[in-house]
Amino acid sequence: MPDTPLQQLRALLVKHCTTLQGQMAEFETAYRRAGPDEAAMAILHSLKGNSGTMGFADIHERVTALESLLRDNGASPDSDAIAADVRIAEIRTAIAAARPEQSRHYNLQF
Protein backbone atom coordinates (compact mmCIF):
# COMPACT_ATOMS: atom_id res chain seq x y z
CA MET A 1 0.00 0.00 0.00
CA PRO A 2 1.55 3.35 -1.00
CA ASP A 3 2.15 6.07 1.53
CA THR A 4 -0.58 8.63 1.91
CA PRO A 5 0.16 12.21 0.84
CA LEU A 6 0.42 13.19 4.52
CA GLN A 7 2.92 10.40 5.20
CA GLN A 8 4.95 11.49 2.18
CA LEU A 9 4.91 15.10 3.38
CA ARG A 10 6.02 14.08 6.86
CA ALA A 11 8.88 12.05 5.41
CA LEU A 12 9.91 15.11 3.41
CA LEU A 13 9.81 17.24 6.56
CA VAL A 14 12.08 14.75 8.35
CA LYS A 15 14.55 14.95 5.47
CA HIS A 16 14.28 18.71 5.38
CA CYS A 17 15.41 19.04 9.00
CA THR A 18 18.71 17.48 7.93
CA THR A 19 18.83 19.63 4.80
CA LEU A 20 18.49 22.78 6.92
CA GLN A 21 21.47 21.71 9.04
CA GLY A 22 23.58 21.17 5.93
CA GLN A 23 22.61 24.52 4.45
CA MET A 24 23.41 26.31 7.69
CA ALA A 25 26.84 24.68 7.87
CA GLU A 26 27.47 25.62 4.25
CA PHE A 27 26.46 29.23 4.93
CA GLU A 28 28.64 29.47 8.03
CA THR A 29 31.66 28.14 6.13
CA ALA A 30 31.15 30.65 3.32
CA TYR A 31 30.47 33.51 5.73
CA ARG A 32 33.53 32.78 7.89
CA ARG A 33 35.69 32.58 4.79
CA ALA A 34 34.62 35.77 3.01
CA GLY A 35 31.94 37.57 5.03
CA PRO A 36 28.56 38.36 3.51
CA ASP A 37 29.73 37.98 -0.08
CA GLU A 38 27.52 36.90 -2.97
CA ALA A 39 28.08 33.18 -2.36
CA ALA A 40 27.26 33.33 1.35
CA MET A 41 24.20 35.47 0.72
CA ALA A 42 22.93 33.09 -1.96
CA ILE A 43 23.15 30.19 0.49
CA LEU A 44 21.41 32.23 3.18
CA HIS A 45 18.66 33.25 0.76
CA SER A 46 18.12 29.61 -0.18
CA LEU A 47 17.95 28.66 3.51
CA LYS A 48 15.36 31.37 4.04
CA GLY A 49 13.24 30.16 1.15
CA ASN A 50 13.48 26.49 2.05
CA SER A 51 12.59 27.04 5.69
CA GLY A 52 9.61 29.18 4.72
CA THR A 53 8.37 26.82 2.04
CA MET A 54 8.57 23.85 4.38
CA GLY A 55 6.66 25.68 7.11
CA PHE A 56 9.40 26.33 9.67
CA ALA A 57 8.23 29.86 10.48
CA ASP A 58 10.59 30.50 13.42
CA ILE A 59 13.67 29.59 11.40
CA HIS A 60 12.39 31.55 8.40
CA GLU A 61 11.89 34.68 10.51
CA ARG A 62 15.36 34.39 12.06
CA VAL A 63 17.04 33.88 8.69
CA THR A 64 15.08 36.79 7.20
CA ALA A 65 16.35 39.06 9.99
CA LEU A 66 19.94 37.94 9.45
CA GLU A 67 19.68 38.36 5.70
CA SER A 68 18.37 41.91 6.17
CA LEU A 69 21.14 42.76 8.62
CA LEU A 70 23.87 41.47 6.32
CA ARG A 71 22.38 42.94 3.16
CA ASP A 72 21.70 46.37 4.66
CA ASN A 73 24.88 46.75 6.69
CA GLY A 74 27.31 44.22 5.32
CA ALA A 75 28.08 43.45 8.97
CA SER A 76 31.18 45.60 8.61
CA PRO A 77 31.05 47.67 11.82
CA ASP A 78 31.96 45.67 14.91
CA SER A 79 28.49 46.00 16.42
CA ASP A 80 26.88 44.62 13.26
CA ALA A 81 29.35 41.73 13.17
CA ILE A 82 28.52 40.89 16.77
CA ALA A 83 24.78 41.12 16.02
CA ALA A 84 25.28 38.85 13.00
CA ASP A 85 27.21 36.31 15.10
CA VAL A 86 24.42 36.30 17.70
CA ARG A 87 21.78 35.75 15.02
CA ILE A 88 23.82 33.01 13.38
CA ALA A 89 24.10 31.20 16.72
CA GLU A 90 20.34 31.54 17.27
CA ILE A 91 19.60 30.13 13.83
CA ARG A 92 22.03 27.24 14.33
CA THR A 93 20.33 26.42 17.65
CA ALA A 94 16.83 26.65 16.15
CA ILE A 95 17.80 24.39 13.27
CA ALA A 96 19.44 21.84 15.59
CA ALA A 97 16.20 21.72 17.58
CA ALA A 98 13.90 21.61 14.54
CA ARG A 99 11.49 18.71 14.41
CA PRO A 100 9.01 17.85 11.64
CA GLU A 101 6.12 18.46 14.05
CA GLN A 102 7.13 22.13 14.26
CA SER A 103 6.30 22.71 10.61
CA ARG A 104 2.95 24.34 9.96
CA HIS A 105 2.50 21.66 7.28
CA TYR A 106 2.84 18.67 9.61
CA ASN A 107 -0.91 18.12 10.02
CA LEU A 108 -1.89 19.47 6.63
CA GLN A 109 -5.26 18.20 5.46
CA PHE A 110 -5.44 16.94 1.89
C-alpha atoms as a PDB file:
ATOM      1  CA  MET A   1       0.000   0.000   0.000  1.00  0.00           C
ATOM      2  CA  PRO A   2       1.551   3.346  -1.003  1.00  0.00           C
ATOM      3  CA  ASP A   3       2.151   6.073   1.528  1.00  0.00           C
ATOM      4  CA  THR A   4      -0.579   8.633   1.907  1.00  0.00           C
ATOM      5  CA  PRO A   5       0.163  12.206   0.844  1.00  0.00           C
ATOM      6  CA  LEU A   6       0.417  13.189   4.523  1.00  0.00           C
ATOM      7  CA  GLN A   7       2.924  10.400   5.203  1.00  0.00           C
ATOM      8  CA  GLN A   8       4.948  11.492   2.177  1.00  0.00           C
ATOM      9  CA  LEU A   9       4.909  15.096   3.377  1.00  0.00           C
ATOM     10  CA  ARG A  10       6.016  14.084   6.864  1.00  0.00           C
ATOM     11  CA  ALA A  11       8.884  12.052   5.408  1.00  0.00           C
ATOM     12  CA  LEU A  12       9.914  15.108   3.409  1.00  0.00           C
ATOM     13  CA  LEU A  13       9.808  17.238   6.564  1.00  0.00           C
ATOM     14  CA  VAL A  14      12.078  14.752   8.348  1.00  0.00           C
ATOM     15  CA  LYS A  15      14.551  14.948   5.471  1.00  0.00           C
ATOM     16  CA  HIS A  16      14.279  18.714   5.378  1.00  0.00           C
ATOM     17  CA  CYS A  17      15.413  19.041   9.002  1.00  0.00           C
ATOM     18  CA  THR A  18      18.709  17.478   7.926  1.00  0.00           C
ATOM     19  CA  THR A  19      18.833  19.633   4.801  1.00  0.00           C
ATOM     20  CA  LEU A  20      18.495  22.781   6.922  1.00  0.00           C
ATOM     21  CA  GLN A  21      21.466  21.712   9.039  1.00  0.00           C
ATOM     22  CA  GLY A  22      23.576  21.175   5.931  1.00  0.00           C
ATOM     23  CA  GLN A  23      22.606  24.523   4.450  1.00  0.00           C
ATOM     24  CA  MET A  24      23.413  26.315   7.693  1.00  0.00           C
ATOM     25  CA  ALA A  25      26.836  24.678   7.874  1.00  0.00           C
ATOM     26  CA  GLU A  26      27.469  25.622   4.251  1.00  0.00           C
ATOM     27  CA  PHE A  27      26.460  29.227   4.932  1.00  0.00           C
ATOM     28  CA  GLU A  28      28.642  29.474   8.025  1.00  0.00           C
ATOM     29  CA  THR A  29      31.658  28.142   6.128  1.00  0.00           C
ATOM     30  CA  ALA A  30      31.153  30.652   3.321  1.00  0.00           C
ATOM     31  CA  TYR A  31      30.471  33.507   5.733  1.00  0.00           C
ATOM     32  CA  ARG A  32      33.527  32.784   7.887  1.00  0.00           C
ATOM     33  CA  ARG A  33      35.689  32.583   4.786  1.00  0.00           C
ATOM     34  CA  ALA A  34      34.622  35.772   3.012  1.00  0.00           C
ATOM     35  CA  GLY A  35      31.939  37.570   5.028  1.00  0.00           C
ATOM     36  CA  PRO A  36      28.562  38.362   3.505  1.00  0.00           C
ATOM     37  CA  ASP A  37      29.726  37.978  -0.076  1.00  0.00           C
ATOM     38  CA  GLU A  38      27.522  36.898  -2.968  1.00  0.00           C
ATOM     39  CA  ALA A  39      28.084  33.179  -2.363  1.00  0.00           C
ATOM     40  CA  ALA A  40      27.256  33.325   1.350  1.00  0.00           C
ATOM     41  CA  MET A  41      24.202  35.474   0.722  1.00  0.00           C
ATOM     42  CA  ALA A  42      22.928  33.088  -1.964  1.00  0.00           C
ATOM     43  CA  ILE A  43      23.149  30.188   0.486  1.00  0.00           C
ATOM     44  CA  LEU A  44      21.407  32.234   3.183  1.00  0.00           C
ATOM     45  CA  HIS A  45      18.657  33.248   0.761  1.00  0.00           C
ATOM     46  CA  SER A  46      18.116  29.611  -0.180  1.00  0.00           C
ATOM     47  CA  LEU A  47      17.954  28.660   3.508  1.00  0.00           C
ATOM     48  CA  LYS A  48      15.356  31.370   4.039  1.00  0.00           C
ATOM     49  CA  GLY A  49      13.242  30.155   1.149  1.00  0.00           C
ATOM     50  CA  ASN A  50      13.477  26.489   2.052  1.00  0.00           C
ATOM     51  CA  SER A  51      12.586  27.038   5.690  1.00  0.00           C
ATOM     52  CA  GLY A  52       9.609  29.180   4.721  1.00  0.00           C
ATOM     53  CA  THR A  53       8.373  26.825   2.039  1.00  0.00           C
ATOM     54  CA  MET A  54       8.571  23.852   4.379  1.00  0.00           C
ATOM     55  CA  GLY A  55       6.657  25.682   7.107  1.00  0.00           C
ATOM     56  CA  PHE A  56       9.397  26.333   9.668  1.00  0.00           C
ATOM     57  CA  ALA A  57       8.230  29.862  10.482  1.00  0.00           C
ATOM     58  CA  ASP A  58      10.592  30.496  13.419  1.00  0.00           C
ATOM     59  CA  ILE A  59      13.671  29.593  11.396  1.00  0.00           C
ATOM     60  CA  HIS A  60      12.391  31.548   8.397  1.00  0.00           C
ATOM     61  CA  GLU A  61      11.890  34.682  10.509  1.00  0.00           C
ATOM     62  CA  ARG A  62      15.357  34.395  12.056  1.00  0.00           C
ATOM     63  CA  VAL A  63      17.044  33.880   8.689  1.00  0.00           C
ATOM     64  CA  THR A  64      15.084  36.787   7.200  1.00  0.00           C
ATOM     65  CA  ALA A  65      16.352  39.064   9.986  1.00  0.00           C
ATOM     66  CA  LEU A  66      19.943  37.944   9.445  1.00  0.00           C
ATOM     67  CA  GLU A  67      19.678  38.358   5.702  1.00  0.00           C
ATOM     68  CA  SER A  68      18.374  41.906   6.166  1.00  0.00           C
ATOM     69  CA  LEU A  69      21.145  42.758   8.619  1.00  0.00           C
ATOM     70  CA  LEU A  70      23.871  41.469   6.318  1.00  0.00           C
ATOM     71  CA  ARG A  71      22.377  42.942   3.161  1.00  0.00           C
ATOM     72  CA  ASP A  72      21.699  46.365   4.658  1.00  0.00           C
ATOM     73  CA  ASN A  73      24.879  46.750   6.694  1.00  0.00           C
ATOM     74  CA  GLY A  74      27.311  44.220   5.320  1.00  0.00           C
ATOM     75  CA  ALA A  75      28.077  43.451   8.973  1.00  0.00           C
ATOM     76  CA  SER A  76      31.176  45.598   8.607  1.00  0.00           C
ATOM     77  CA  PRO A  77      31.051  47.668  11.817  1.00  0.00           C
ATOM     78  CA  ASP A  78      31.962  45.674  14.906  1.00  0.00           C
ATOM     79  CA  SER A  79      28.487  45.998  16.418  1.00  0.00           C
ATOM     80  CA  ASP A  80      26.883  44.622  13.262  1.00  0.00           C
ATOM     81  CA  ALA A  81      29.352  41.727  13.168  1.00  0.00           C
ATOM     82  CA  ILE A  82      28.515  40.887  16.767  1.00  0.00           C
ATOM     83  CA  ALA A  83      24.784  41.123  16.018  1.00  0.00           C
ATOM     84  CA  ALA A  84      25.283  38.846  13.005  1.00  0.00           C
ATOM     85  CA  ASP A  85      27.207  36.309  15.104  1.00  0.00           C
ATOM     86  CA  VAL A  86      24.418  36.295  17.703  1.00  0.00           C
ATOM     87  CA  ARG A  87      21.776  35.747  15.018  1.00  0.00           C
ATOM     88  CA  ILE A  88      23.820  33.005  13.383  1.00  0.00           C
ATOM     89  CA  ALA A  89      24.102  31.203  16.723  1.00  0.00           C
ATOM     90  CA  GLU A  90      20.340  31.544  17.274  1.00  0.00           C
ATOM     91  CA  ILE A  91      19.601  30.131  13.829  1.00  0.00           C
ATOM     92  CA  ARG A  92      22.029  27.244  14.331  1.00  0.00           C
ATOM     93  CA  THR A  93      20.328  26.420  17.647  1.00  0.00           C
ATOM     94  CA  ALA A  94      16.827  26.653  16.152  1.00  0.00           C
ATOM     95  CA  ILE A  95      17.802  24.386  13.266  1.00  0.00           C
ATOM     96  CA  ALA A  96      19.437  21.844  15.591  1.00  0.00           C
ATOM     97  CA  ALA A  97      16.202  21.723  17.584  1.00  0.00           C
ATOM     98  CA  ALA A  98      13.904  21.609  14.540  1.00  0.00           C
ATOM     99  CA  ARG A  99      11.487  18.713  14.411  1.00  0.00           C
ATOM    100  CA  PRO A 100       9.013  17.854  11.645  1.00  0.00           C
ATOM    101  CA  GLU A 101       6.123  18.459  14.050  1.00  0.00           C
ATOM    102  CA  GLN A 102       7.127  22.131  14.263  1.00  0.00           C
ATOM    103  CA  SER A 103       6.298  22.715  10.615  1.00  0.00           C
ATOM    104  CA  ARG A 104       2.949  24.342   9.960  1.00  0.00           C
ATOM    105  CA  HIS A 105       2.499  21.657   7.283  1.00  0.00           C
ATOM    106  CA  TYR A 106       2.843  18.673   9.612  1.00  0.00           C
ATOM    107  CA  ASN A 107      -0.907  18.122  10.019  1.00  0.00           C
ATOM    108  CA  LEU A 108      -1.889  19.465   6.633  1.00  0.00           C
ATOM    109  CA  GLN A 109      -5.262  18.199   5.457  1.00  0.00           C
ATOM    110  CA  PHE A 110      -5.442  16.936   1.889  1.00  0.00           C
END
